[in-house]
């Protein structure tokens, strides 16, 4: 968690089977920043899907557009990277061209099976609400038992 807070790495839960079997649902992808200029075909990168600002996708780079090819793409400029991506388990490439303006792209360095499930579960609003309610109720019960606990009885004779 500290490495994530420092920007050294990011943890990305795998939410679909698009990258199975190498990254099945519930896995946790560990990513590190890679300079934009070093992104190559075959790299697995994390990006925000053009379909929504809060949708993160982790897919393989199928094609890196050069400046000549990218000049005609929507959203591209000289200071952006343009890539075509595809999930390993998907039959065809993604229906969009990703353009990235950040200096670094988050690239997968490793995958930990099953460790992403808590993130997947907490992504559901009802599950998150129930989890916070359980944690809150447990904390309240613990606090009340501490407050209302009777002091221990003194034994022995008074001096």
N, C-alpha and C. Protein backbone atom coordinates (compact mmCIF):
# COMPACT_ATOMS: atom_id res chain seq x y z
N UNK A 1 0.84 -1.19 0.00
CA UNK A 1 0.00 0.00 0.00
C UNK A 1 0.88 1.25 0.00
N UNK A 2 1.98 1.21 0.75
CA UNK A 2 2.87 2.37 0.79
C UNK A 2 3.47 2.64 -0.59
N UNK A 3 3.83 1.59 -1.31
CA UNK A 3 4.39 1.78 -2.66
C UNK A 3 3.36 2.41 -3.59
N UNK A 4 2.10 2.03 -3.40
CA UNK A 4 1.04 2.62 -4.21
C UNK A 4 0.87 4.10 -3.89
N UNK A 5 0.93 4.44 -2.61
CA UNK A 5 0.79 5.84 -2.19
C UNK A 5 1.95 6.69 -2.72
N UNK A 6 3.11 6.10 -2.86
CA UNK A 6 4.28 6.83 -3.36
C UNK A 6 4.33 6.90 -4.89
N UNK A 7 3.41 6.23 -5.55
CA UNK A 7 3.38 6.25 -7.02
C UNK A 7 4.37 5.30 -7.66
N UNK A 8 4.91 4.36 -6.87
CA UNK A 8 5.88 3.41 -7.39
C UNK A 8 5.17 2.26 -8.11
N UNK A 9 4.01 1.90 -7.60
CA UNK A 9 3.23 0.81 -8.17
C UNK A 9 1.75 1.09 -7.97
N UNK A 10 0.93 0.39 -8.74
CA UNK A 10 -0.52 0.45 -8.56
C UNK A 10 -1.04 -0.97 -8.58
N UNK A 11 -2.11 -1.18 -7.82
CA UNK A 11 -2.75 -2.48 -7.77
C UNK A 11 -4.08 -2.37 -8.52
N UNK A 12 -4.27 -3.23 -9.51
CA UNK A 12 -5.46 -3.16 -10.36
C UNK A 12 -6.19 -4.50 -10.31
N UNK A 13 -7.41 -4.54 -9.74
CA UNK A 13 -8.16 -5.79 -9.73
C UNK A 13 -8.64 -6.14 -11.14
N UNK A 14 -8.61 -7.42 -11.45
CA UNK A 14 -9.08 -7.89 -12.75
C UNK A 14 -10.57 -8.17 -12.63
N UNK A 15 -11.39 -7.44 -13.39
CA UNK A 15 -12.84 -7.48 -13.23
C UNK A 15 -13.55 -8.33 -14.28
N UNK A 16 -12.84 -8.75 -15.33
CA UNK A 16 -13.49 -9.57 -16.35
C UNK A 16 -12.52 -10.64 -16.83
N UNK A 17 -13.05 -11.57 -17.64
CA UNK A 17 -12.23 -12.66 -18.17
C UNK A 17 -11.54 -12.29 -19.48
N UNK A 18 -11.49 -11.01 -19.82
CA UNK A 18 -10.92 -10.62 -21.11
C UNK A 18 -9.44 -10.95 -21.23
N UNK A 19 -8.74 -11.10 -20.10
CA UNK A 19 -7.31 -11.43 -20.15
C UNK A 19 -7.03 -12.84 -19.63
N UNK A 20 -8.08 -13.67 -19.48
CA UNK A 20 -7.90 -15.05 -19.04
C UNK A 20 -7.19 -15.84 -20.14
N UNK A 21 -6.50 -16.90 -19.83
CA UNK A 21 -6.33 -17.49 -18.51
C UNK A 21 -5.19 -16.88 -17.70
N UNK A 22 -4.38 -16.03 -18.29
CA UNK A 22 -3.24 -15.46 -17.58
C UNK A 22 -3.63 -14.55 -16.43
N UNK A 23 -4.76 -13.86 -16.58
CA UNK A 23 -5.27 -12.96 -15.54
C UNK A 23 -6.78 -13.18 -15.39
N UNK A 24 -7.19 -14.23 -14.66
CA UNK A 24 -8.62 -14.48 -14.50
C UNK A 24 -9.28 -13.46 -13.56
N UNK A 25 -10.61 -13.41 -13.60
CA UNK A 25 -11.36 -12.53 -12.71
C UNK A 25 -10.93 -12.80 -11.28
N UNK A 26 -10.76 -11.74 -10.50
CA UNK A 26 -10.38 -11.87 -9.10
C UNK A 26 -8.88 -11.82 -8.87
N UNK A 27 -8.10 -11.76 -9.94
CA UNK A 27 -6.65 -11.60 -9.78
C UNK A 27 -6.35 -10.14 -9.47
N UNK A 28 -5.16 -9.90 -8.98
CA UNK A 28 -4.70 -8.54 -8.74
C UNK A 28 -3.46 -8.31 -9.59
N UNK A 29 -3.57 -7.37 -10.53
CA UNK A 29 -2.43 -7.03 -11.38
C UNK A 29 -1.61 -5.96 -10.68
N UNK A 30 -0.33 -6.18 -10.60
CA UNK A 30 0.59 -5.20 -10.01
C UNK A 30 1.25 -4.48 -11.19
N UNK A 31 1.15 -3.15 -11.19
CA UNK A 31 1.64 -2.38 -12.32
C UNK A 31 2.69 -1.37 -11.87
N UNK A 32 3.53 -0.98 -12.80
CA UNK A 32 4.56 0.03 -12.54
C UNK A 32 4.58 1.00 -13.72
N UNK A 33 5.00 2.24 -13.46
CA UNK A 33 5.04 3.21 -14.56
C UNK A 33 6.17 2.91 -15.55
N UNK A 34 5.84 3.04 -16.82
CA UNK A 34 6.79 2.88 -17.91
C UNK A 34 6.75 4.15 -18.75
N UNK A 35 7.88 4.69 -19.14
CA UNK A 35 7.85 5.88 -19.99
C UNK A 35 7.01 5.63 -21.25
N UNK A 36 6.22 6.61 -21.60
CA UNK A 36 5.30 6.50 -22.74
C UNK A 36 6.04 6.06 -24.01
N UNK A 37 7.23 6.56 -24.22
CA UNK A 37 7.99 6.25 -25.44
C UNK A 37 8.45 4.79 -25.49
N UNK A 38 8.44 4.09 -24.35
CA UNK A 38 8.91 2.70 -24.31
C UNK A 38 7.80 1.67 -24.47
N UNK A 39 6.55 2.10 -24.57
CA UNK A 39 5.45 1.16 -24.74
C UNK A 39 5.57 0.49 -26.11
N UNK A 40 5.46 -0.85 -26.11
CA UNK A 40 5.64 -1.61 -27.34
C UNK A 40 4.52 -2.64 -27.50
N UNK A 41 4.39 -3.15 -28.71
CA UNK A 41 3.42 -4.21 -28.96
C UNK A 41 3.73 -5.39 -28.06
N UNK A 42 2.68 -5.96 -27.47
CA UNK A 42 2.84 -7.09 -26.57
C UNK A 42 2.81 -6.70 -25.10
N UNK A 43 3.06 -5.44 -24.78
CA UNK A 43 2.98 -4.98 -23.39
C UNK A 43 1.53 -5.04 -22.91
N UNK A 44 1.35 -5.29 -21.63
CA UNK A 44 0.01 -5.25 -21.02
C UNK A 44 -0.06 -3.98 -20.19
N UNK A 45 -0.98 -3.09 -20.56
CA UNK A 45 -1.05 -1.77 -19.94
C UNK A 45 -2.44 -1.50 -19.37
N UNK A 46 -2.48 -0.55 -18.43
CA UNK A 46 -3.74 -0.12 -17.83
C UNK A 46 -4.06 1.27 -18.38
N UNK A 47 -5.32 1.46 -18.74
CA UNK A 47 -5.76 2.75 -19.26
C UNK A 47 -7.22 2.98 -18.90
N UNK A 48 -7.64 4.21 -19.00
CA UNK A 48 -9.04 4.55 -18.78
C UNK A 48 -9.78 4.36 -20.09
N UNK A 49 -10.85 3.57 -20.04
CA UNK A 49 -11.62 3.30 -21.26
C UNK A 49 -12.30 4.56 -21.75
N UNK A 50 -12.34 4.75 -23.05
CA UNK A 50 -13.04 5.92 -23.60
C UNK A 50 -14.54 5.91 -23.30
N UNK A 51 -15.07 4.76 -22.86
CA UNK A 51 -16.50 4.65 -22.58
C UNK A 51 -16.92 5.29 -21.27
N UNK A 52 -15.98 5.52 -20.36
CA UNK A 52 -16.34 6.12 -19.08
C UNK A 52 -15.11 6.49 -18.28
N UNK A 53 -15.18 7.59 -17.54
CA UNK A 53 -14.00 8.08 -16.83
C UNK A 53 -13.54 7.19 -15.68
N UNK A 54 -14.40 6.35 -15.15
CA UNK A 54 -14.01 5.54 -14.00
C UNK A 54 -13.79 4.07 -14.37
N UNK A 55 -13.75 3.79 -15.66
CA UNK A 55 -13.59 2.41 -16.11
C UNK A 55 -12.14 2.19 -16.50
N UNK A 56 -11.43 1.39 -15.67
CA UNK A 56 -10.04 1.06 -15.99
C UNK A 56 -9.99 -0.29 -16.69
N UNK A 57 -9.19 -0.35 -17.72
CA UNK A 57 -9.05 -1.57 -18.52
C UNK A 57 -7.59 -1.97 -18.49
N UNK A 58 -7.35 -3.29 -18.42
CA UNK A 58 -5.98 -3.79 -18.52
C UNK A 58 -5.96 -4.77 -19.69
N UNK A 59 -5.35 -4.35 -20.80
CA UNK A 59 -5.30 -5.14 -22.03
C UNK A 59 -3.92 -5.07 -22.66
N UNK A 60 -3.71 -5.95 -23.62
CA UNK A 60 -2.43 -6.04 -24.32
C UNK A 60 -2.39 -5.04 -25.49
N UNK A 61 -1.23 -4.42 -25.67
CA UNK A 61 -1.02 -3.51 -26.80
C UNK A 61 -0.83 -4.34 -28.06
N UNK A 62 -1.69 -4.10 -29.05
CA UNK A 62 -1.59 -4.82 -30.32
C UNK A 62 -0.83 -4.01 -31.37
N UNK A 63 -0.95 -2.68 -31.26
CA UNK A 63 -0.30 -1.82 -32.25
C UNK A 63 -0.02 -0.46 -31.62
N UNK A 64 1.18 0.04 -31.84
CA UNK A 64 1.53 1.41 -31.43
C UNK A 64 1.55 2.24 -32.70
N UNK A 65 0.71 3.26 -32.75
CA UNK A 65 0.63 4.11 -33.93
C UNK A 65 1.80 5.09 -33.96
N UNK A 66 2.44 5.18 -35.11
CA UNK A 66 3.47 6.19 -35.31
C UNK A 66 2.82 7.53 -35.59
N UNK A 67 3.59 8.61 -35.55
CA UNK A 67 3.02 9.94 -35.77
C UNK A 67 2.28 10.08 -37.11
N UNK A 68 2.76 9.41 -38.15
CA UNK A 68 2.10 9.51 -39.45
C UNK A 68 0.73 8.86 -39.41
N UNK A 69 0.65 7.66 -38.81
CA UNK A 69 -0.62 6.94 -38.72
C UNK A 69 -1.59 7.62 -37.77
N UNK A 70 -1.06 8.14 -36.67
CA UNK A 70 -1.91 8.69 -35.61
C UNK A 70 -2.45 10.08 -35.95
N UNK A 71 -1.86 10.74 -36.92
CA UNK A 71 -2.26 12.12 -37.23
C UNK A 71 -3.74 12.25 -37.57
N UNK A 72 -4.35 11.19 -38.06
CA UNK A 72 -5.76 11.23 -38.44
C UNK A 72 -6.70 10.72 -37.36
N UNK A 73 -6.19 10.36 -36.20
CA UNK A 73 -7.02 9.81 -35.13
C UNK A 73 -7.63 10.91 -34.28
N UNK A 74 -8.87 10.69 -33.84
CA UNK A 74 -9.51 11.62 -32.91
C UNK A 74 -8.78 11.62 -31.58
N UNK A 75 -8.56 12.77 -31.01
CA UNK A 75 -7.95 12.88 -29.69
C UNK A 75 -6.44 12.77 -29.68
N UNK A 76 -5.82 12.63 -30.85
CA UNK A 76 -4.37 12.47 -30.88
C UNK A 76 -3.70 13.81 -31.16
N UNK A 77 -2.56 14.00 -30.53
CA UNK A 77 -1.70 15.14 -30.83
C UNK A 77 -0.26 14.67 -30.64
N UNK A 78 0.69 15.52 -30.97
CA UNK A 78 2.11 15.13 -30.90
C UNK A 78 2.55 14.67 -29.52
N UNK A 79 1.87 15.15 -28.49
CA UNK A 79 2.29 14.81 -27.13
C UNK A 79 1.49 13.65 -26.55
N UNK A 80 0.86 12.85 -27.39
CA UNK A 80 0.05 11.72 -26.93
C UNK A 80 0.53 10.42 -27.57
N UNK A 81 0.30 9.33 -26.86
CA UNK A 81 0.57 7.99 -27.37
C UNK A 81 -0.75 7.43 -27.89
N UNK A 82 -0.76 6.82 -29.05
CA UNK A 82 -1.96 6.19 -29.60
C UNK A 82 -1.68 4.70 -29.77
N UNK A 83 -2.54 3.87 -29.16
CA UNK A 83 -2.36 2.41 -29.21
C UNK A 83 -3.68 1.71 -29.50
N UNK A 84 -3.56 0.55 -30.13
CA UNK A 84 -4.70 -0.35 -30.29
C UNK A 84 -4.51 -1.48 -29.29
N UNK A 85 -5.57 -1.86 -28.59
CA UNK A 85 -5.45 -2.87 -27.53
C UNK A 85 -6.45 -4.00 -27.76
N UNK A 86 -6.20 -5.10 -27.04
CA UNK A 86 -7.08 -6.27 -27.14
C UNK A 86 -6.90 -7.11 -25.88
N UNK A 87 -7.99 -7.64 -25.39
CA UNK A 87 -7.92 -8.62 -24.31
C UNK A 87 -7.48 -9.96 -24.89
N UNK A 88 -6.61 -10.67 -24.20
CA UNK A 88 -6.09 -11.95 -24.71
C UNK A 88 -7.20 -12.95 -25.00
N UNK A 89 -8.29 -12.89 -24.23
CA UNK A 89 -9.39 -13.83 -24.36
C UNK A 89 -10.50 -13.30 -25.27
N UNK A 90 -10.33 -12.13 -25.84
CA UNK A 90 -11.33 -11.55 -26.73
C UNK A 90 -11.03 -11.93 -28.18
N UNK A 91 -12.07 -12.14 -29.00
CA UNK A 91 -11.83 -12.55 -30.39
C UNK A 91 -11.28 -11.44 -31.28
N UNK A 92 -11.52 -10.18 -30.91
CA UNK A 92 -11.05 -9.08 -31.76
C UNK A 92 -10.54 -7.93 -30.90
N UNK A 93 -9.91 -6.99 -31.56
CA UNK A 93 -9.35 -5.82 -30.86
C UNK A 93 -10.47 -4.98 -30.25
N UNK A 94 -10.10 -4.15 -29.29
CA UNK A 94 -11.06 -3.25 -28.65
C UNK A 94 -11.63 -2.29 -29.70
N UNK A 95 -12.88 -1.82 -29.50
CA UNK A 95 -13.52 -0.97 -30.51
C UNK A 95 -13.07 0.48 -30.48
N UNK A 96 -11.94 0.77 -29.86
CA UNK A 96 -11.46 2.13 -29.75
C UNK A 96 -9.95 2.17 -29.94
N UNK A 97 -9.45 3.33 -30.20
CA UNK A 97 -8.00 3.58 -30.20
C UNK A 97 -7.74 4.38 -28.93
N UNK A 98 -6.83 3.91 -28.10
CA UNK A 98 -6.52 4.58 -26.84
C UNK A 98 -5.47 5.65 -27.09
N UNK A 99 -5.73 6.85 -26.61
CA UNK A 99 -4.71 7.91 -26.66
C UNK A 99 -4.36 8.29 -25.23
N UNK A 100 -3.08 8.30 -24.93
CA UNK A 100 -2.60 8.55 -23.57
C UNK A 100 -1.67 9.75 -23.60
N UNK A 101 -1.98 10.73 -22.77
CA UNK A 101 -1.18 11.95 -22.72
C UNK A 101 -0.21 12.01 -21.55
N UNK A 102 -0.33 11.08 -20.61
CA UNK A 102 0.57 11.08 -19.46
C UNK A 102 1.99 10.72 -19.90
N UNK A 103 2.97 11.15 -19.11
CA UNK A 103 4.37 10.84 -19.41
C UNK A 103 4.67 9.36 -19.23
N UNK A 104 3.93 8.71 -18.31
CA UNK A 104 4.15 7.30 -18.03
C UNK A 104 2.85 6.53 -18.24
N UNK A 105 3.01 5.28 -18.63
CA UNK A 105 1.89 4.36 -18.81
C UNK A 105 2.07 3.26 -17.77
N UNK A 106 0.98 2.86 -17.13
CA UNK A 106 1.07 1.81 -16.11
C UNK A 106 1.06 0.46 -16.80
N UNK A 107 2.18 -0.27 -16.63
CA UNK A 107 2.36 -1.56 -17.29
C UNK A 107 2.35 -2.68 -16.24
N UNK A 108 1.70 -3.79 -16.59
CA UNK A 108 1.65 -4.92 -15.67
C UNK A 108 3.04 -5.50 -15.47
N UNK A 109 3.39 -5.71 -14.19
CA UNK A 109 4.66 -6.34 -13.87
C UNK A 109 4.45 -7.76 -13.35
N UNK A 110 3.35 -7.99 -12.64
CA UNK A 110 3.04 -9.33 -12.15
C UNK A 110 1.55 -9.43 -11.82
N UNK A 111 1.12 -10.66 -11.57
CA UNK A 111 -0.29 -10.93 -11.27
C UNK A 111 -0.35 -11.86 -10.07
N UNK A 112 -1.23 -11.54 -9.11
CA UNK A 112 -1.43 -12.39 -7.94
C UNK A 112 -2.86 -12.94 -8.01
N UNK A 113 -3.00 -14.26 -8.20
CA UNK A 113 -4.35 -14.83 -8.28
C UNK A 113 -5.13 -14.62 -6.99
N UNK A 114 -6.43 -14.44 -7.11
CA UNK A 114 -7.40 -14.35 -6.01
C UNK A 114 -7.30 -13.09 -5.16
N UNK A 115 -6.20 -12.39 -5.16
CA UNK A 115 -6.03 -11.24 -4.27
C UNK A 115 -6.88 -10.04 -4.68
N UNK A 116 -7.41 -10.06 -5.87
CA UNK A 116 -8.26 -8.96 -6.32
C UNK A 116 -9.72 -9.08 -5.92
N UNK A 117 -10.13 -10.26 -5.41
CA UNK A 117 -11.54 -10.46 -5.07
C UNK A 117 -12.08 -9.42 -4.09
N UNK A 118 -11.38 -9.06 -3.02
CA UNK A 118 -11.95 -8.02 -2.14
C UNK A 118 -12.24 -6.71 -2.88
N UNK A 119 -11.40 -6.35 -3.83
CA UNK A 119 -11.64 -5.13 -4.62
C UNK A 119 -12.86 -5.31 -5.51
N UNK A 120 -13.02 -6.51 -6.07
CA UNK A 120 -14.18 -6.79 -6.92
C UNK A 120 -15.45 -6.69 -6.08
N UNK A 121 -15.45 -7.31 -4.91
CA UNK A 121 -16.64 -7.28 -4.05
C UNK A 121 -16.96 -5.87 -3.59
N UNK A 122 -15.93 -5.12 -3.21
CA UNK A 122 -16.17 -3.76 -2.73
C UNK A 122 -16.53 -2.79 -3.86
N UNK A 123 -16.39 -3.23 -5.09
CA UNK A 123 -16.82 -2.42 -6.22
C UNK A 123 -18.33 -2.38 -6.36
N UNK A 124 -19.02 -3.36 -5.76
CA UNK A 124 -20.48 -3.39 -5.78
C UNK A 124 -21.01 -2.49 -4.66
N UNK A 125 -21.85 -1.51 -4.96
CA UNK A 125 -22.31 -0.56 -3.93
C UNK A 125 -23.03 -1.22 -2.75
N UNK A 126 -23.83 -2.24 -3.00
CA UNK A 126 -24.56 -2.89 -1.91
C UNK A 126 -23.58 -3.63 -1.00
N UNK A 127 -22.64 -4.36 -1.60
CA UNK A 127 -21.64 -5.07 -0.81
C UNK A 127 -20.82 -4.10 0.01
N UNK A 128 -20.44 -2.98 -0.59
CA UNK A 128 -19.65 -1.97 0.12
C UNK A 128 -20.45 -1.41 1.30
N UNK A 129 -21.74 -1.15 1.10
CA UNK A 129 -22.58 -0.61 2.17
C UNK A 129 -22.69 -1.62 3.32
N UNK A 130 -22.90 -2.89 2.98
CA UNK A 130 -23.00 -3.93 4.01
C UNK A 130 -21.67 -4.06 4.75
N UNK A 131 -20.55 -4.04 4.03
CA UNK A 131 -19.24 -4.17 4.68
C UNK A 131 -18.99 -3.01 5.64
N UNK A 132 -19.30 -1.79 5.22
CA UNK A 132 -19.11 -0.64 6.12
C UNK A 132 -20.05 -0.71 7.31
N UNK A 133 -21.27 -1.21 7.11
CA UNK A 133 -22.22 -1.35 8.23
C UNK A 133 -21.71 -2.37 9.24
N UNK A 134 -21.19 -3.49 8.75
CA UNK A 134 -20.66 -4.53 9.65
C UNK A 134 -19.46 -4.01 10.42
N UNK A 135 -18.54 -3.34 9.73
CA UNK A 135 -17.37 -2.77 10.41
C UNK A 135 -17.80 -1.72 11.43
N UNK A 136 -18.74 -0.87 11.06
CA UNK A 136 -19.23 0.16 11.98
C UNK A 136 -19.91 -0.43 13.19
N UNK A 137 -20.76 -1.44 12.98
CA UNK A 137 -21.46 -2.08 14.10
C UNK A 137 -20.46 -2.79 15.02
N UNK A 138 -19.49 -3.46 14.45
CA UNK A 138 -18.47 -4.15 15.26
C UNK A 138 -17.68 -3.15 16.09
N UNK A 139 -17.29 -2.05 15.49
CA UNK A 139 -16.56 -1.01 16.22
C UNK A 139 -17.40 -0.40 17.33
N UNK A 140 -18.67 -0.17 17.07
CA UNK A 140 -19.57 0.40 18.08
C UNK A 140 -19.74 -0.55 19.25
N UNK A 141 -19.95 -1.83 18.97
CA UNK A 141 -20.11 -2.82 20.04
C UNK A 141 -18.84 -2.90 20.87
N UNK A 142 -17.68 -2.92 20.23
CA UNK A 142 -16.42 -2.98 20.97
C UNK A 142 -16.27 -1.75 21.86
N UNK A 143 -16.56 -0.56 21.32
CA UNK A 143 -16.43 0.68 22.08
C UNK A 143 -17.37 0.68 23.28
N UNK A 144 -18.60 0.24 23.09
CA UNK A 144 -19.56 0.20 24.20
C UNK A 144 -19.13 -0.78 25.29
N UNK A 145 -18.57 -1.92 24.90
CA UNK A 145 -18.12 -2.87 25.93
C UNK A 145 -16.95 -2.30 26.72
N UNK A 146 -16.09 -1.53 26.08
CA UNK A 146 -14.97 -0.90 26.79
C UNK A 146 -15.50 0.16 27.76
N UNK A 147 -16.45 0.96 27.30
CA UNK A 147 -16.99 2.04 28.14
C UNK A 147 -17.77 1.48 29.33
N UNK A 148 -18.59 0.48 29.09
CA UNK A 148 -19.48 -0.02 30.14
C UNK A 148 -18.87 -1.14 30.98
N UNK A 149 -17.66 -1.51 30.70
CA UNK A 149 -17.03 -2.58 31.47
C UNK A 149 -16.89 -2.14 32.92
N UNK A 150 -17.25 -3.03 33.83
CA UNK A 150 -17.12 -2.72 35.25
C UNK A 150 -15.65 -2.81 35.64
N UNK A 151 -15.24 -1.91 36.51
CA UNK A 151 -13.84 -2.00 36.97
C UNK A 151 -13.65 -3.28 37.77
N UNK A 152 -12.48 -3.85 37.73
CA UNK A 152 -12.24 -5.10 38.48
C UNK A 152 -12.36 -4.84 39.98
N UNK A 153 -12.89 -5.84 40.68
CA UNK A 153 -13.04 -5.73 42.13
C UNK A 153 -11.69 -5.90 42.80
N UNK A 154 -11.52 -5.11 43.82
CA UNK A 154 -10.28 -5.20 44.59
C UNK A 154 -10.46 -6.32 45.61
N UNK A 155 -9.47 -7.15 45.73
CA UNK A 155 -9.53 -8.23 46.71
C UNK A 155 -8.51 -7.96 47.81
N UNK A 156 -8.71 -8.58 48.88
CA UNK A 156 -7.80 -8.37 50.00
C UNK A 156 -8.37 -7.37 50.99
N UNK A 157 -7.69 -7.22 52.09
CA UNK A 157 -8.17 -6.33 53.16
C UNK A 157 -7.61 -4.94 52.99
N UNK A 158 -8.40 -3.93 53.39
CA UNK A 158 -7.90 -2.56 53.31
C UNK A 158 -6.72 -2.35 54.24
N UNK A 159 -5.85 -1.51 53.90
CA UNK A 159 -4.66 -1.25 54.70
C UNK A 159 -4.92 -0.30 55.81
